[in-house]
N, C-alpha and C. Protein backbone atom coordinates (compact mmCIF):
# COMPACT_ATOMS: atom_id res chain seq x y z
N MET A 1 0.46 -1.07 0.25
CA MET A 1 -0.25 0.47 0.16
C MET A 1 1.34 1.37 -0.22
N GLU A 2 0.74 1.92 -0.91
CA GLU A 2 1.21 3.49 -0.99
C GLU A 2 0.80 4.63 -0.39
N SER A 3 -0.41 4.49 0.20
CA SER A 3 -1.35 5.70 0.36
C SER A 3 -2.48 4.92 1.41
N PHE A 4 -2.78 5.86 2.60
CA PHE A 4 -3.70 5.88 3.54
C PHE A 4 -5.30 5.69 2.93
N ALA A 5 -5.60 6.99 1.32
CA ALA A 5 -6.63 6.52 0.67
C ALA A 5 -6.25 4.74 -0.16
N ALA A 6 -5.42 4.43 -0.56
CA ALA A 6 -5.39 2.63 -0.96
C ALA A 6 -5.74 2.36 -0.31
N PHE A 7 -5.61 1.79 1.20
CA PHE A 7 -5.92 1.60 2.22
C PHE A 7 -6.93 1.50 2.67
N TRP A 8 -7.91 2.12 2.83
CA TRP A 8 -9.02 2.50 3.50
C TRP A 8 -9.70 1.46 3.14
N PRO A 9 -9.67 1.27 1.39
CA PRO A 9 -10.90 0.30 0.91
C PRO A 9 -10.39 -1.55 1.40
N TYR A 10 -9.19 -1.58 0.95
CA TYR A 10 -9.28 -2.35 1.81
C TYR A 10 -9.01 -2.81 3.02
N TYR A 11 -9.23 -1.83 4.25
CA TYR A 11 -9.02 -2.13 5.51
C TYR A 11 -11.48 -2.26 5.54
N LEU A 12 -11.77 -1.95 4.96
CA LEU A 12 -13.54 -1.99 4.78
C LEU A 12 -13.55 -3.10 4.20
N ARG A 13 -13.05 -3.65 3.14
CA ARG A 13 -13.06 -5.34 2.54
C ARG A 13 -12.47 -6.32 3.94
N GLU A 14 -11.19 -5.73 4.26
CA GLU A 14 -11.27 -6.90 5.39
C GLU A 14 -12.03 -6.59 6.90
N HIS A 15 -12.80 -5.96 6.17
CA HIS A 15 -14.06 -6.14 8.24
C HIS A 15 -15.37 -5.92 7.35
N ALA A 16 -15.94 -7.04 6.92
CA ALA A 16 -16.54 -6.85 5.35
C ALA A 16 -18.40 -7.02 6.51
N ARG A 17 -17.84 -8.26 7.16
CA ARG A 17 -19.33 -8.28 8.11
C ARG A 17 -19.28 -7.94 9.00
N PRO A 18 -21.06 -7.33 9.65
CA PRO A 18 -20.84 -6.70 10.43
C PRO A 18 -20.78 -6.74 11.83
N ARG A 19 -20.29 -8.22 12.21
CA ARG A 19 -20.30 -8.43 12.90
C ARG A 19 -19.38 -8.11 14.32
N THR A 20 -18.68 -7.65 12.56
CA THR A 20 -16.31 -7.78 12.71
C THR A 20 -16.38 -6.56 13.50
N ARG A 21 -17.14 -5.48 12.16
CA ARG A 21 -17.47 -4.07 12.55
C ARG A 21 -17.80 -4.12 14.00
N ALA A 22 -18.42 -4.79 14.94
CA ALA A 22 -18.95 -4.45 15.79
C ALA A 22 -17.85 -4.87 17.34
N LEU A 23 -17.94 -5.43 17.11
CA LEU A 23 -16.97 -5.53 17.80
C LEU A 23 -15.86 -4.89 17.59
N HIS A 24 -15.53 -4.30 16.26
CA HIS A 24 -14.35 -3.16 16.99
C HIS A 24 -14.94 -2.12 17.20
N TYR A 25 -15.92 -1.37 16.89
CA TYR A 25 -16.75 -0.69 17.85
C TYR A 25 -16.46 -0.87 19.06
N ILE A 26 -17.34 -1.41 19.73
CA ILE A 26 -17.01 -1.75 21.34
C ILE A 26 -15.28 -2.17 21.89
N GLY A 27 -14.49 -2.22 21.22
CA GLY A 27 -13.21 -1.93 21.46
C GLY A 27 -12.64 -0.86 21.94
N THR A 28 -12.84 0.06 20.19
CA THR A 28 -12.99 1.43 20.38
C THR A 28 -13.52 2.17 20.96
N THR A 29 -14.82 2.26 21.85
CA THR A 29 -15.58 2.49 22.65
C THR A 29 -14.88 2.16 24.03
N LEU A 30 -15.04 0.90 24.18
CA LEU A 30 -14.24 0.82 25.56
C LEU A 30 -12.72 1.17 25.77
N THR A 31 -11.87 1.06 24.71
CA THR A 31 -10.74 2.16 24.98
C THR A 31 -10.32 3.97 24.88
N LEU A 32 -11.44 4.01 24.52
CA LEU A 32 -11.37 5.91 24.87
C LEU A 32 -11.96 6.66 25.86
N LEU A 33 -12.95 5.33 25.98
CA LEU A 33 -13.53 5.10 27.72
C LEU A 33 -12.11 4.79 28.97
N LEU A 34 -11.60 3.56 28.59
CA LEU A 34 -10.18 3.76 29.63
C LEU A 34 -9.33 5.05 29.66
N VAL A 35 -9.22 5.40 28.23
CA VAL A 35 -7.78 6.82 28.05
C VAL A 35 -8.74 7.58 28.72
N LEU A 36 -9.87 7.52 28.75
CA LEU A 36 -10.41 9.49 29.91
C LEU A 36 -10.71 8.29 31.27
N ALA A 37 -10.75 7.89 31.35
CA ALA A 37 -10.92 8.03 32.50
C ALA A 37 -9.92 7.77 33.42
N ALA A 38 -8.51 6.57 32.83
CA ALA A 38 -7.10 6.79 33.40
C ALA A 38 -6.71 8.08 33.38
N ALA A 39 -6.95 9.56 32.41
CA ALA A 39 -6.41 10.57 32.18
C ALA A 39 -7.02 11.43 33.45
N LEU A 40 -9.11 11.33 33.03
CA LEU A 40 -9.02 11.92 34.24
C LEU A 40 -9.71 12.05 35.60
N SER A 41 -8.90 10.55 36.28
CA SER A 41 -8.75 9.88 37.91
C SER A 41 -7.55 9.96 37.75
N GLY A 42 -6.05 9.57 36.88
CA GLY A 42 -5.22 9.90 37.14
C GLY A 42 -4.76 8.31 38.24
N ARG A 43 -5.50 7.32 38.08
CA ARG A 43 -5.23 5.83 37.51
C ARG A 43 -3.90 5.15 36.41
N SER A 44 -3.17 5.10 36.99
CA SER A 44 -2.49 4.43 35.99
C SER A 44 -2.51 3.27 35.22
N TRP A 45 -2.52 2.70 36.38
CA TRP A 45 -2.97 1.40 35.54
C TRP A 45 -4.14 1.56 34.92
N LEU A 46 -4.46 2.06 35.01
CA LEU A 46 -5.79 1.91 34.04
C LEU A 46 -4.91 1.36 31.98
N TRP A 47 -4.19 2.01 32.36
CA TRP A 47 -3.74 2.84 31.04
C TRP A 47 -3.88 1.46 30.61
N TRP A 48 -3.06 0.73 31.44
CA TRP A 48 -2.74 -0.62 30.91
C TRP A 48 -3.68 -2.01 29.84
N LEU A 49 -4.78 -1.57 30.74
CA LEU A 49 -6.23 -1.88 29.84
C LEU A 49 -6.43 -1.09 28.27
N VAL A 50 -5.98 -0.08 27.93
CA VAL A 50 -6.59 0.32 27.18
C VAL A 50 -6.38 -0.72 25.26
N PRO A 51 -4.59 -1.21 25.68
CA PRO A 51 -4.49 -1.92 23.83
C PRO A 51 -4.52 -3.01 24.87
N ILE A 52 -5.73 -3.99 25.75
CA ILE A 52 -6.13 -4.92 25.61
C ILE A 52 -7.87 -4.32 25.61
N ALA A 53 -8.58 -3.68 25.34
CA ALA A 53 -9.61 -3.11 24.88
C ALA A 53 -9.37 -3.52 23.87
N GLY A 54 -8.89 -2.20 22.73
CA GLY A 54 -8.90 -2.32 22.08
C GLY A 54 -8.86 -3.50 20.90
N TYR A 55 -7.53 -4.11 21.53
CA TYR A 55 -6.58 -5.39 19.94
C TYR A 55 -7.26 -6.22 20.54
N GLY A 56 -7.88 -6.81 21.46
CA GLY A 56 -8.44 -7.33 22.76
C GLY A 56 -9.94 -8.25 21.70
N PHE A 57 -10.87 -6.66 20.61
CA PHE A 57 -11.94 -6.83 21.06
C PHE A 57 -11.73 -6.91 18.70
N ALA A 58 -10.68 -6.32 19.16
CA ALA A 58 -10.56 -6.46 17.09
C ALA A 58 -10.20 -7.51 16.97
N TRP A 59 -9.45 -7.68 17.49
CA TRP A 59 -8.42 -9.22 17.28
C TRP A 59 -9.34 -10.76 16.70
N SER A 60 -10.36 -11.21 18.07
CA SER A 60 -10.61 -11.08 18.46
C SER A 60 -12.16 -12.12 17.61
N ALA A 61 -12.50 -10.16 16.93
CA ALA A 61 -13.67 -10.64 15.71
C ALA A 61 -12.74 -11.04 14.46
N HIS A 62 -11.45 -10.80 14.25
CA HIS A 62 -10.80 -11.59 13.35
C HIS A 62 -10.78 -12.48 12.77
N TYR A 63 -10.50 -13.52 14.18
CA TYR A 63 -9.78 -14.77 13.50
C TYR A 63 -11.28 -15.63 14.53
N LEU A 64 -12.42 -14.64 15.54
CA LEU A 64 -13.91 -15.56 15.39
C LEU A 64 -14.43 -14.80 14.63
N VAL A 65 -14.79 -14.68 13.77
CA VAL A 65 -15.85 -14.14 12.68
C VAL A 65 -15.28 -13.72 11.26
N GLU A 66 -14.87 -13.58 11.52
CA GLU A 66 -14.61 -12.86 9.68
C GLU A 66 -13.12 -13.49 9.63
N HIS A 67 -12.51 -14.21 9.26
CA HIS A 67 -11.45 -15.48 9.66
C HIS A 67 -9.94 -14.86 8.83
N ASN A 68 -9.95 -13.66 8.83
CA ASN A 68 -8.36 -12.98 8.22
C ASN A 68 -7.63 -12.51 9.67
N ARG A 69 -6.14 -12.08 8.68
CA ARG A 69 -4.91 -11.74 9.85
C ARG A 69 -5.73 -10.00 9.99
N PRO A 70 -5.13 -10.00 11.24
CA PRO A 70 -5.41 -7.95 11.45
C PRO A 70 -4.69 -7.72 10.69
N ALA A 71 -5.32 -6.82 9.67
CA ALA A 71 -4.38 -5.46 9.18
C ALA A 71 -3.05 -5.00 10.43
N THR A 72 -3.74 -5.17 11.26
CA THR A 72 -2.77 -4.24 12.87
C THR A 72 -1.24 -4.97 11.87
N PHE A 73 -1.33 -5.95 11.80
CA PHE A 73 0.19 -7.17 11.89
C PHE A 73 0.97 -6.17 10.77
N ARG A 74 0.02 -6.13 9.53
CA ARG A 74 0.98 -5.02 8.76
C ARG A 74 1.38 -3.92 8.39
N HIS A 75 -0.45 -3.56 8.94
CA HIS A 75 0.19 -1.46 8.60
C HIS A 75 -1.00 -1.47 9.51
N PRO A 76 0.61 -0.51 11.06
CA PRO A 76 -0.15 -0.89 12.67
C PRO A 76 -0.86 0.67 12.36
N ILE A 77 0.07 1.58 12.45
CA ILE A 77 -0.20 3.51 12.13
C ILE A 77 -1.84 3.48 11.56
N TRP A 78 -2.21 2.71 10.07
CA TRP A 78 -2.51 2.89 9.18
C TRP A 78 -4.24 2.19 9.28
N SER A 79 -3.80 1.00 10.19
CA SER A 79 -4.78 -0.06 10.44
C SER A 79 -5.58 0.86 11.83
N LEU A 80 -4.49 1.37 12.84
CA LEU A 80 -5.19 2.95 13.54
C LEU A 80 -5.97 3.40 13.09
N ALA A 81 -5.42 4.16 12.62
CA ALA A 81 -6.25 5.14 11.98
C ALA A 81 -7.50 4.80 10.95
N ALA A 82 -7.68 4.03 10.26
CA ALA A 82 -8.52 3.42 9.15
C ALA A 82 -10.10 3.13 10.79
N ASP A 83 -9.20 2.46 11.94
CA ASP A 83 -10.47 2.16 12.76
C ASP A 83 -11.11 3.17 13.81
N PHE A 84 -10.20 4.30 13.57
CA PHE A 84 -10.88 4.93 14.26
C PHE A 84 -11.94 6.21 13.56
N ARG A 85 -11.75 6.13 11.65
CA ARG A 85 -12.08 6.68 11.46
C ARG A 85 -13.48 6.45 10.86
N MET A 86 -13.75 4.22 10.50
CA MET A 86 -14.78 3.54 11.43
C MET A 86 -16.20 3.97 11.87
N TRP A 87 -15.00 3.85 13.42
CA TRP A 87 -15.62 4.03 14.52
C TRP A 87 -16.49 5.29 13.73
N GLY A 88 -16.06 6.37 13.78
CA GLY A 88 -16.58 7.38 13.98
C GLY A 88 -17.65 7.96 13.10
N LEU A 89 -17.06 7.02 11.10
CA LEU A 89 -18.30 7.52 10.29
C LEU A 89 -19.33 6.10 11.18
N TRP A 90 -19.28 5.31 11.30
CA TRP A 90 -20.64 4.68 11.60
C TRP A 90 -21.93 5.43 13.22
N LEU A 91 -20.07 5.98 14.04
CA LEU A 91 -21.19 6.72 15.34
C LEU A 91 -21.95 7.46 14.49
N THR A 92 -21.42 8.51 13.42
CA THR A 92 -22.20 9.74 12.38
C THR A 92 -23.41 9.08 11.56
N GLY A 93 -23.40 8.31 11.27
CA GLY A 93 -24.15 7.14 10.31
C GLY A 93 -23.84 7.72 8.78
N ARG A 94 -22.05 7.49 8.63
CA ARG A 94 -22.07 7.78 7.31
C ARG A 94 -20.94 6.66 7.07
N LEU A 95 -21.35 5.46 7.28
CA LEU A 95 -20.18 4.45 7.32
C LEU A 95 -20.65 3.91 5.37
N GLY A 96 -22.21 3.88 5.98
CA GLY A 96 -23.01 2.42 4.39
C GLY A 96 -22.37 3.09 3.40
N PRO A 97 -21.95 4.18 3.12
CA PRO A 97 -21.82 5.20 1.50
C PRO A 97 -19.84 4.99 0.97
N GLU A 98 -19.39 4.42 2.21
CA GLU A 98 -18.21 4.15 2.67
C GLU A 98 -17.84 2.85 2.22
N LEU A 99 -18.94 2.16 3.43
CA LEU A 99 -18.83 1.00 2.36
C LEU A 99 -19.22 -0.08 1.28
N ASP A 100 -20.19 1.24 0.71
CA ASP A 100 -21.05 0.66 -0.64
C ASP A 100 -19.15 0.63 -1.88
N ARG A 101 -18.56 1.42 -1.61
CA ARG A 101 -17.24 2.11 -2.25
C ARG A 101 -16.41 1.20 -2.49
N ALA A 102 -16.14 0.41 -1.56
CA ALA A 102 -15.01 -0.42 -0.98
C ALA A 102 -15.03 -2.27 -1.88
N GLY A 103 -17.03 -1.70 -1.74
CA GLY A 103 -17.65 -3.10 -2.82
C GLY A 103 -18.06 -4.21 -1.15
N VAL A 104 -18.25 -3.23 -0.23
CA VAL A 104 -18.81 -4.07 1.01
C VAL A 104 -19.69 -4.77 0.57
N THR A 105 -20.97 -5.87 0.63
CA THR A 105 -21.96 -5.94 0.54
C THR A 105 -22.23 -6.47 1.99
N ARG A 106 -23.81 -4.68 2.07
CA ARG A 106 -23.95 -5.37 3.64
C ARG A 106 -25.94 -6.17 4.04
């Protein structure tokens, strides 16, 4: 992959199943809540839970639902950015057209 623009449709195709995306949304939401809780409470041990929440749900989705290898292993930075983009688009109800453009059947 030469650019994030080229990576994005690939990322969406790797997350074609709704349950895969749902588990990503859970992990991303928990990650953000843990970051907020750690920052506001000053409880440093919460920072250890951040990658466990994020990657735990995401990787489980790939192995148990999607049956593919997480893109994180090949493109860690773009995968992280794409995960937050996917989550944000889902949250605002704008993910559908992106899935359509990537060729993901819904």
